[in-house]
Amino acid sequence: MTVFPLSPAEFFLFLMLVGLLILVCVFIPVQVAAKVRRVRHSRTHITCRICGYRYLLADRRAENVCPHCDSRN
């Protein structure tokens, strides 16, 4: 078994690169999951353009009518 001796500068550079790799491997999937959640949320949670009332749209095929002011959005 061969051991690669590292100087302190090389060790800290290696440690920094491993830390950056772990950060990227965690950060990118979290950002993708947040984007997917935001898109799914925007499909069902609707804000009326007339009165500003927020409501859930239960069925995407149904007519989009505000339950507060009865306007079509």
N, C-alpha and C. Protein backbone atom coordinates (compact mmCIF):
# COMPACT_ATOMS: atom_id res chain seq x y z
N MET A 1 0.85 -1.17 0.00
CA MET A 1 0.00 0.00 0.00
C MET A 1 0.90 1.24 0.00
N THR A 2 0.66 2.09 -0.98
CA THR A 2 1.46 3.30 -1.05
C THR A 2 0.70 4.46 -0.44
N VAL A 3 1.42 5.26 0.26
CA VAL A 3 0.85 6.43 0.90
C VAL A 3 1.41 7.65 0.19
N PHE A 4 0.51 8.56 -0.18
CA PHE A 4 0.95 9.78 -0.84
C PHE A 4 1.11 10.87 0.21
N PRO A 5 2.32 11.22 0.51
CA PRO A 5 2.50 12.27 1.53
C PRO A 5 2.09 13.62 0.95
N LEU A 6 1.31 14.36 1.71
CA LEU A 6 0.84 15.67 1.28
C LEU A 6 1.45 16.73 2.17
N SER A 7 1.85 17.81 1.53
CA SER A 7 2.30 18.95 2.32
C SER A 7 1.07 19.62 2.91
N PRO A 8 1.23 20.45 3.91
CA PRO A 8 0.06 21.13 4.48
C PRO A 8 -0.72 21.95 3.44
N ALA A 9 -0.03 22.58 2.52
CA ALA A 9 -0.71 23.38 1.48
C ALA A 9 -1.54 22.47 0.57
N GLU A 10 -0.97 21.34 0.18
CA GLU A 10 -1.71 20.40 -0.66
C GLU A 10 -2.89 19.80 0.08
N PHE A 11 -2.72 19.51 1.36
CA PHE A 11 -3.80 18.94 2.16
C PHE A 11 -4.98 19.91 2.25
N PHE A 12 -4.70 21.18 2.53
CA PHE A 12 -5.78 22.16 2.64
C PHE A 12 -6.43 22.45 1.28
N LEU A 13 -5.65 22.38 0.21
CA LEU A 13 -6.23 22.53 -1.12
C LEU A 13 -7.16 21.35 -1.42
N PHE A 14 -6.71 20.15 -1.10
CA PHE A 14 -7.54 18.96 -1.29
C PHE A 14 -8.81 19.04 -0.45
N LEU A 15 -8.68 19.48 0.80
CA LEU A 15 -9.82 19.63 1.69
C LEU A 15 -10.82 20.65 1.15
N MET A 16 -10.32 21.75 0.61
CA MET A 16 -11.18 22.78 0.04
C MET A 16 -11.91 22.26 -1.21
N LEU A 17 -11.21 21.55 -2.06
CA LEU A 17 -11.84 21.02 -3.28
C LEU A 17 -12.90 19.97 -2.95
N VAL A 18 -12.65 19.13 -1.96
CA VAL A 18 -13.65 18.14 -1.54
C VAL A 18 -14.87 18.85 -0.96
N GLY A 19 -14.65 19.89 -0.19
CA GLY A 19 -15.76 20.67 0.36
C GLY A 19 -16.58 21.32 -0.72
N LEU A 20 -15.94 21.88 -1.73
CA LEU A 20 -16.67 22.49 -2.85
C LEU A 20 -17.46 21.44 -3.64
N LEU A 21 -16.87 20.26 -3.82
CA LEU A 21 -17.56 19.19 -4.52
C LEU A 21 -18.81 18.75 -3.76
N ILE A 22 -18.70 18.62 -2.46
CA ILE A 22 -19.86 18.25 -1.64
C ILE A 22 -20.92 19.35 -1.70
N LEU A 23 -20.50 20.61 -1.65
CA LEU A 23 -21.43 21.72 -1.73
C LEU A 23 -22.21 21.71 -3.04
N VAL A 24 -21.53 21.47 -4.14
CA VAL A 24 -22.20 21.43 -5.45
C VAL A 24 -23.13 20.23 -5.54
N CYS A 25 -22.71 19.09 -4.99
CA CYS A 25 -23.55 17.88 -5.05
C CYS A 25 -24.81 18.02 -4.21
N VAL A 26 -24.81 18.92 -3.24
CA VAL A 26 -26.00 19.15 -2.41
C VAL A 26 -26.80 20.32 -2.95
N PHE A 27 -26.15 21.38 -3.37
CA PHE A 27 -26.82 22.61 -3.77
C PHE A 27 -27.66 22.44 -5.04
N ILE A 28 -27.16 21.79 -6.05
CA ILE A 28 -27.88 21.65 -7.31
C ILE A 28 -29.16 20.84 -7.15
N PRO A 29 -29.17 19.67 -6.51
CA PRO A 29 -30.45 18.96 -6.34
C PRO A 29 -31.46 19.73 -5.50
N VAL A 30 -30.99 20.47 -4.50
CA VAL A 30 -31.91 21.27 -3.69
C VAL A 30 -32.55 22.36 -4.53
N GLN A 31 -31.79 23.00 -5.40
CA GLN A 31 -32.34 24.05 -6.25
C GLN A 31 -33.33 23.47 -7.26
N VAL A 32 -33.05 22.31 -7.81
CA VAL A 32 -33.97 21.67 -8.75
C VAL A 32 -35.27 21.28 -8.05
N ALA A 33 -35.16 20.73 -6.86
CA ALA A 33 -36.36 20.35 -6.10
C ALA A 33 -37.20 21.57 -5.74
N ALA A 34 -36.55 22.68 -5.40
CA ALA A 34 -37.29 23.91 -5.08
C ALA A 34 -38.01 24.45 -6.30
N LYS A 35 -37.39 24.37 -7.45
CA LYS A 35 -38.03 24.84 -8.70
C LYS A 35 -39.24 23.97 -9.03
N VAL A 36 -39.11 22.66 -8.90
CA VAL A 36 -40.23 21.75 -9.17
C VAL A 36 -41.38 22.04 -8.22
N ARG A 37 -41.08 22.25 -6.95
CA ARG A 37 -42.11 22.56 -5.95
C ARG A 37 -42.81 23.88 -6.28
N ARG A 38 -42.04 24.87 -6.69
CA ARG A 38 -42.62 26.18 -7.03
C ARG A 38 -43.56 26.08 -8.23
N VAL A 39 -43.20 25.29 -9.22
CA VAL A 39 -44.05 25.12 -10.41
C VAL A 39 -45.33 24.39 -10.04
N ARG A 40 -45.23 23.32 -9.25
CA ARG A 40 -46.43 22.59 -8.83
C ARG A 40 -47.35 23.47 -7.98
N HIS A 41 -46.76 24.28 -7.14
CA HIS A 41 -47.54 25.17 -6.27
C HIS A 41 -48.28 26.22 -7.09
N SER A 42 -47.63 26.74 -8.13
CA SER A 42 -48.27 27.80 -8.93
C SER A 42 -49.42 27.26 -9.78
N ARG A 43 -49.46 25.96 -10.02
CA ARG A 43 -50.57 25.39 -10.80
C ARG A 43 -51.87 25.33 -10.02
N THR A 44 -51.79 25.17 -8.70
CA THR A 44 -53.00 24.98 -7.92
C THR A 44 -53.35 26.18 -7.04
N HIS A 45 -52.40 27.00 -6.67
CA HIS A 45 -52.65 28.15 -5.81
C HIS A 45 -52.76 29.39 -6.71
N ILE A 46 -53.95 29.95 -6.77
CA ILE A 46 -54.22 31.03 -7.71
C ILE A 46 -54.63 32.28 -6.94
N THR A 47 -54.22 33.43 -7.43
CA THR A 47 -54.60 34.72 -6.88
C THR A 47 -55.47 35.43 -7.90
N CYS A 48 -56.63 35.90 -7.45
CA CYS A 48 -57.56 36.61 -8.34
C CYS A 48 -56.92 37.92 -8.80
N ARG A 49 -57.05 38.22 -10.09
CA ARG A 49 -56.48 39.44 -10.63
C ARG A 49 -57.32 40.67 -10.31
N ILE A 50 -58.57 40.47 -9.95
CA ILE A 50 -59.46 41.60 -9.66
C ILE A 50 -59.40 41.98 -8.18
N CYS A 51 -59.66 41.02 -7.29
CA CYS A 51 -59.76 41.34 -5.86
C CYS A 51 -58.54 40.91 -5.05
N GLY A 52 -57.66 40.08 -5.61
CA GLY A 52 -56.47 39.64 -4.90
C GLY A 52 -56.70 38.49 -3.94
N TYR A 53 -57.87 37.87 -3.99
CA TYR A 53 -58.19 36.75 -3.11
C TYR A 53 -57.39 35.52 -3.55
N ARG A 54 -56.78 34.82 -2.59
CA ARG A 54 -56.01 33.61 -2.90
C ARG A 54 -56.87 32.39 -2.64
N TYR A 55 -56.89 31.47 -3.59
CA TYR A 55 -57.68 30.26 -3.44
C TYR A 55 -57.02 29.10 -4.16
N LEU A 56 -57.48 27.90 -3.82
CA LEU A 56 -56.96 26.68 -4.44
C LEU A 56 -57.86 26.29 -5.59
N LEU A 57 -57.25 25.89 -6.68
CA LEU A 57 -57.99 25.39 -7.83
C LEU A 57 -57.97 23.87 -7.73
N ALA A 58 -59.12 23.29 -7.38
CA ALA A 58 -59.19 21.85 -7.14
C ALA A 58 -59.06 21.05 -8.44
N ASP A 59 -59.70 21.51 -9.49
CA ASP A 59 -59.69 20.77 -10.75
C ASP A 59 -59.18 21.69 -11.85
N ARG A 60 -58.11 21.28 -12.54
CA ARG A 60 -57.52 22.12 -13.59
C ARG A 60 -58.45 22.28 -14.79
N ARG A 61 -59.34 21.32 -14.99
CA ARG A 61 -60.24 21.39 -16.15
C ARG A 61 -61.46 22.27 -15.88
N ALA A 62 -61.72 22.56 -14.61
CA ALA A 62 -62.89 23.37 -14.27
C ALA A 62 -62.64 24.83 -14.65
N GLU A 63 -63.74 25.56 -14.75
CA GLU A 63 -63.62 26.98 -15.07
C GLU A 63 -63.01 27.70 -13.87
N ASN A 64 -62.08 28.59 -14.16
CA ASN A 64 -61.35 29.28 -13.12
C ASN A 64 -62.11 30.54 -12.71
N VAL A 65 -62.98 30.41 -11.69
CA VAL A 65 -63.80 31.52 -11.20
C VAL A 65 -63.44 31.78 -9.75
N CYS A 66 -63.24 33.05 -9.42
CA CYS A 66 -62.89 33.43 -8.06
C CYS A 66 -64.10 33.21 -7.14
N PRO A 67 -63.93 32.51 -6.03
CA PRO A 67 -65.05 32.29 -5.12
C PRO A 67 -65.44 33.53 -4.33
N HIS A 68 -64.60 34.55 -4.34
CA HIS A 68 -64.86 35.76 -3.56
C HIS A 68 -65.64 36.79 -4.36
N CYS A 69 -65.20 37.08 -5.60
CA CYS A 69 -65.86 38.12 -6.39
C CYS A 69 -66.54 37.59 -7.65
N ASP A 70 -66.48 36.28 -7.89
CA ASP A 70 -67.10 35.60 -9.03
C ASP A 70 -66.61 36.09 -10.39
N SER A 71 -65.38 36.58 -10.46
CA SER A 71 -64.84 36.99 -11.76
C SER A 71 -64.02 35.83 -12.34
N ARG A 72 -63.95 35.78 -13.64
CA ARG A 72 -63.17 34.75 -14.33
C ARG A 72 -61.72 35.20 -14.41
N ASN A 73 -60.85 34.30 -14.07
CA ASN A 73 -59.42 34.63 -14.10
C ASN A 73 -58.74 33.86 -15.22
